[in-house]
Amino acid sequence: QLQASGGGLVQAGGSLRLSCAASGSSFTRNLMGWFRQAPGKERVFVAAISRSGGSSYYSDSVKGRFTISRDNAKKMVYLQMNSLEPDDTAVYYCAADPNAILTAGPDYSSSLENYHYWGQGTLVTVSS
């Protein structure tokens, strides 16, 4: 089970940190990702982090502004979002893939279809 939190209303240029709490005993076996869905649009990839935390991947739209991290001891995943823009407004979802290999690359990690478990989403609204 995944529980996302940390969303809210922020002005353009501001920052937010999203958190995702996972339950279960196999957290370290999961590739973890963040996706977002803007109103009227499809859910799209934002960022992913490998099982060990040693590799991370980002969509071009957030690269350099967002940072994904994980704390395996706490079973937590984070998304630090800086320099937020109105186009970042969306519901953000954390997701887990228990089948990913240790060396899953960016193409695999960014594919929505590979993620089996999803959190409930947290709304981020960026005002201009």
C-alpha atoms as a PDB file:
ATOM      1  CA  GLN A   1       0.000   0.000   0.000  1.00  0.00           C
ATOM      2  CA  LEU A   2       1.240   3.471  -0.887  1.00  0.00           C
ATOM      3  CA  GLN A   3       0.232   6.747   0.740  1.00  0.00           C
ATOM      4  CA  ALA A   4       1.251   9.999  -0.915  1.00  0.00           C
ATOM      5  CA  SER A   5       1.229  13.344   0.859  1.00  0.00           C
ATOM      6  CA  GLY A   6       2.708  16.818   0.729  1.00  0.00           C
ATOM      7  CA  GLY A   7       0.716  18.428  -2.023  1.00  0.00           C
ATOM      8  CA  GLY A   8      -0.727  21.899  -1.774  1.00  0.00           C
ATOM      9  CA  LEU A   9      -0.946  25.358  -3.275  1.00  0.00           C
ATOM     10  CA  VAL A  10       2.285  27.173  -4.046  1.00  0.00           C
ATOM     11  CA  GLN A  11       3.264  30.197  -6.092  1.00  0.00           C
ATOM     12  CA  ALA A  12       5.351  29.859  -9.216  1.00  0.00           C
ATOM     13  CA  GLY A  13       9.009  29.630  -8.320  1.00  0.00           C
ATOM     14  CA  GLY A  14       8.252  27.976  -4.995  1.00  0.00           C
ATOM     15  CA  SER A  15       9.032  24.509  -3.697  1.00  0.00           C
ATOM     16  CA  LEU A  16       7.209  21.501  -2.310  1.00  0.00           C
ATOM     17  CA  ARG A  17       8.305  18.092  -1.130  1.00  0.00           C
ATOM     18  CA  LEU A  18       6.063  15.140  -1.736  1.00  0.00           C
ATOM     19  CA  SER A  19       6.325  12.010   0.374  1.00  0.00           C
ATOM     20  CA  CYS A  20       5.182   8.482  -0.274  1.00  0.00           C
ATOM     21  CA  ALA A  21       4.931   5.989   2.571  1.00  0.00           C
ATOM     22  CA  ALA A  22       4.956   2.311   1.691  1.00  0.00           C
ATOM     23  CA  SER A  23       3.834  -0.627   3.728  1.00  0.00           C
ATOM     24  CA  GLY A  24       4.904  -4.220   3.407  1.00  0.00           C
ATOM     25  CA  SER A  25       8.119  -6.126   3.840  1.00  0.00           C
ATOM     26  CA  SER A  26       9.493  -5.990   0.312  1.00  0.00           C
ATOM     27  CA  PHE A  27      10.011  -2.265  -0.204  1.00  0.00           C
ATOM     28  CA  THR A  28      13.639  -2.647  -1.230  1.00  0.00           C
ATOM     29  CA  ARG A  29      12.603  -4.915  -4.077  1.00  0.00           C
ATOM     30  CA  ASN A  30      10.496  -2.185  -5.654  1.00  0.00           C
ATOM     31  CA  LEU A  31      11.396   0.288  -8.332  1.00  0.00           C
ATOM     32  CA  MET A  32       9.618   3.464  -7.225  1.00  0.00           C
ATOM     33  CA  GLY A  33       8.229   6.188  -9.425  1.00  0.00           C
ATOM     34  CA  TRP A  34       6.284   9.412  -9.437  1.00  0.00           C
ATOM     35  CA  PHE A  35       3.738  10.189 -12.114  1.00  0.00           C
ATOM     36  CA  ARG A  36       1.365  13.095 -12.551  1.00  0.00           C
ATOM     37  CA  GLN A  37      -1.942  13.753 -14.202  1.00  0.00           C
ATOM     38  CA  ALA A  38      -3.062  17.233 -15.121  1.00  0.00           C
ATOM     39  CA  PRO A  39      -6.764  18.009 -15.597  1.00  0.00           C
ATOM     40  CA  GLY A  40      -8.012  16.521 -18.833  1.00  0.00           C
ATOM     41  CA  LYS A  41      -4.684  14.892 -19.653  1.00  0.00           C
ATOM     42  CA  GLU A  42      -3.137  11.459 -19.410  1.00  0.00           C
ATOM     43  CA  ARG A  43      -1.002  10.319 -16.524  1.00  0.00           C
ATOM     44  CA  VAL A  44       2.673  10.822 -17.359  1.00  0.00           C
ATOM     45  CA  PHE A  45       6.035   9.913 -15.956  1.00  0.00           C
ATOM     46  CA  VAL A  46       7.854  12.368 -13.703  1.00  0.00           C
ATOM     47  CA  ALA A  47      10.691  10.533 -11.977  1.00  0.00           C
ATOM     48  CA  ALA A  48      11.840   7.086 -10.895  1.00  0.00           C
ATOM     49  CA  ILE A  49      14.445   5.693  -8.566  1.00  0.00           C
ATOM     50  CA  SER A  50      16.048   2.268  -8.613  1.00  0.00           C
ATOM     51  CA  ARG A  51      15.686  -0.310  -5.890  1.00  0.00           C
ATOM     52  CA  SER A  52      18.962   0.642  -4.264  1.00  0.00           C
ATOM     53  CA  GLY A  53      18.537   4.355  -4.836  1.00  0.00           C
ATOM     54  CA  GLY A  54      21.689   4.420  -6.903  1.00  0.00           C
ATOM     55  CA  SER A  55      20.006   5.434 -10.149  1.00  0.00           C
ATOM     56  CA  SER A  56      17.303   7.983 -10.856  1.00  0.00           C
ATOM     57  CA  TYR A  57      15.523   9.101 -13.983  1.00  0.00           C
ATOM     58  CA  TYR A  58      13.515  12.183 -14.857  1.00  0.00           C
ATOM     59  CA  SER A  59      11.242  13.452 -17.551  1.00  0.00           C
ATOM     60  CA  ASP A  60      12.710  16.267 -19.586  1.00  0.00           C
ATOM     61  CA  SER A  61      10.110  18.664 -18.232  1.00  0.00           C
ATOM     62  CA  VAL A  62      11.319  18.345 -14.632  1.00  0.00           C
ATOM     63  CA  LYS A  63      14.990  17.532 -15.059  1.00  0.00           C
ATOM     64  CA  GLY A  64      17.115  19.937 -13.060  1.00  0.00           C
ATOM     65  CA  ARG A  65      14.171  21.098 -10.939  1.00  0.00           C
ATOM     66  CA  PHE A  66      12.898  17.915  -9.257  1.00  0.00           C
ATOM     67  CA  THR A  67      14.831  15.356  -7.238  1.00  0.00           C
ATOM     68  CA  ILE A  68      13.617  11.896  -6.305  1.00  0.00           C
ATOM     69  CA  SER A  69      15.046  10.064  -3.318  1.00  0.00           C
ATOM     70  CA  ARG A  70      14.228   7.102  -1.129  1.00  0.00           C
ATOM     71  CA  ASP A  71      14.896   5.950   2.409  1.00  0.00           C
ATOM     72  CA  ASN A  72      14.669   2.177   2.401  1.00  0.00           C
ATOM     73  CA  ALA A  73      14.918   1.929   6.179  1.00  0.00           C
ATOM     74  CA  LYS A  74      11.817   4.124   6.538  1.00  0.00           C
ATOM     75  CA  LYS A  75      10.078   2.739   3.432  1.00  0.00           C
ATOM     76  CA  MET A  76       9.694   6.258   2.085  1.00  0.00           C
ATOM     77  CA  VAL A  77      10.076   7.908  -1.308  1.00  0.00           C
ATOM     78  CA  TYR A  78      10.330  11.652  -1.757  1.00  0.00           C
ATOM     79  CA  LEU A  79       9.993  14.100  -4.597  1.00  0.00           C
ATOM     80  CA  GLN A  80      11.603  17.456  -3.968  1.00  0.00           C
ATOM     81  CA  MET A  81      10.136  19.970  -6.395  1.00  0.00           C
ATOM     82  CA  ASN A  82      11.858  23.316  -6.873  1.00  0.00           C
ATOM     83  CA  SER A  83      11.258  26.214  -9.250  1.00  0.00           C
ATOM     84  CA  LEU A  84       7.679  25.124  -9.678  1.00  0.00           C
ATOM     85  CA  GLU A  85       5.762  26.325 -12.712  1.00  0.00           C
ATOM     86  CA  PRO A  86       2.023  26.535 -13.404  1.00  0.00           C
ATOM     87  CA  ASP A  87       2.421  23.638 -15.854  1.00  0.00           C
ATOM     88  CA  ASP A  88       3.442  21.451 -12.904  1.00  0.00           C
ATOM     89  CA  THR A  89      -0.121  21.637 -11.598  1.00  0.00           C
ATOM     90  CA  ALA A  90      -1.432  18.079 -11.400  1.00  0.00           C
ATOM     91  CA  VAL A  91      -2.322  15.204  -9.151  1.00  0.00           C
ATOM     92  CA  TYR A  92       0.914  13.416  -8.308  1.00  0.00           C
ATOM     93  CA  TYR A  93       0.956   9.668  -7.792  1.00  0.00           C
ATOM     94  CA  CYS A  94       3.631   7.445  -6.374  1.00  0.00           C
ATOM     95  CA  ALA A  95       3.890   3.966  -7.783  1.00  0.00           C
ATOM     96  CA  ALA A  96       5.800   0.752  -7.181  1.00  0.00           C
ATOM     97  CA  ASP A  97       7.034  -1.983  -9.470  1.00  0.00           C
ATOM     98  CA  PRO A  98       7.965  -5.148  -7.588  1.00  0.00           C
ATOM     99  CA  ASN A  99       9.197  -6.921 -10.703  1.00  0.00           C
ATOM    100  CA  ALA A 100      11.919  -4.567 -11.834  1.00  0.00           C
ATOM    101  CA  ILE A 101      15.421  -5.916 -12.017  1.00  0.00           C
ATOM    102  CA  LEU A 102      18.177  -4.202 -10.091  1.00  0.00           C
ATOM    103  CA  THR A 103      19.524  -2.588 -13.246  1.00  0.00           C
ATOM    104  CA  ALA A 104      16.270  -1.403 -14.783  1.00  0.00           C
ATOM    105  CA  GLY A 105      17.060   1.473 -17.125  1.00  0.00           C
ATOM    106  CA  PRO A 106      15.279   4.712 -17.962  1.00  0.00           C
ATOM    107  CA  ASP A 107      13.006   3.316 -20.683  1.00  0.00           C
ATOM    108  CA  TYR A 108      11.658   0.617 -18.403  1.00  0.00           C
ATOM    109  CA  SER A 109      11.483   2.882 -15.349  1.00  0.00           C
ATOM    110  CA  SER A 110       9.482   5.567 -17.130  1.00  0.00           C
ATOM    111  CA  SER A 111       6.810   3.216 -18.447  1.00  0.00           C
ATOM    112  CA  LEU A 112       3.537   3.526 -16.581  1.00  0.00           C
ATOM    113  CA  GLU A 113       2.506  -0.009 -17.523  1.00  0.00           C
ATOM    114  CA  ASN A 114       5.330  -1.526 -15.449  1.00  0.00           C
ATOM    115  CA  TYR A 115       4.027  -0.193 -12.157  1.00  0.00           C
ATOM    116  CA  HIS A 116       1.676  -2.489 -10.296  1.00  0.00           C
ATOM    117  CA  TYR A 117       0.862  -0.522  -7.172  1.00  0.00           C
ATOM    118  CA  TRP A 118      -0.363   3.059  -6.960  1.00  0.00           C
ATOM    119  CA  GLY A 119      -0.982   5.556  -4.227  1.00  0.00           C
ATOM    120  CA  GLN A 120      -4.107   7.687  -4.031  1.00  0.00           C
ATOM    121  CA  GLY A 121      -2.500  10.850  -5.384  1.00  0.00           C
ATOM    122  CA  THR A 122      -1.809  14.262  -3.926  1.00  0.00           C
ATOM    123  CA  LEU A 123      -2.793  17.516  -5.609  1.00  0.00           C
ATOM    124  CA  VAL A 124      -0.173  20.123  -6.434  1.00  0.00           C
ATOM    125  CA  THR A 125      -1.421  23.504  -7.605  1.00  0.00           C
ATOM    126  CA  VAL A 126       1.039  26.126  -8.799  1.00  0.00           C
ATOM    127  CA  SER A 127      -0.328  29.636  -9.185  1.00  0.00           C
ATOM    128  CA  SER A 128       1.192  32.191 -11.540  1.00  0.00           C
END
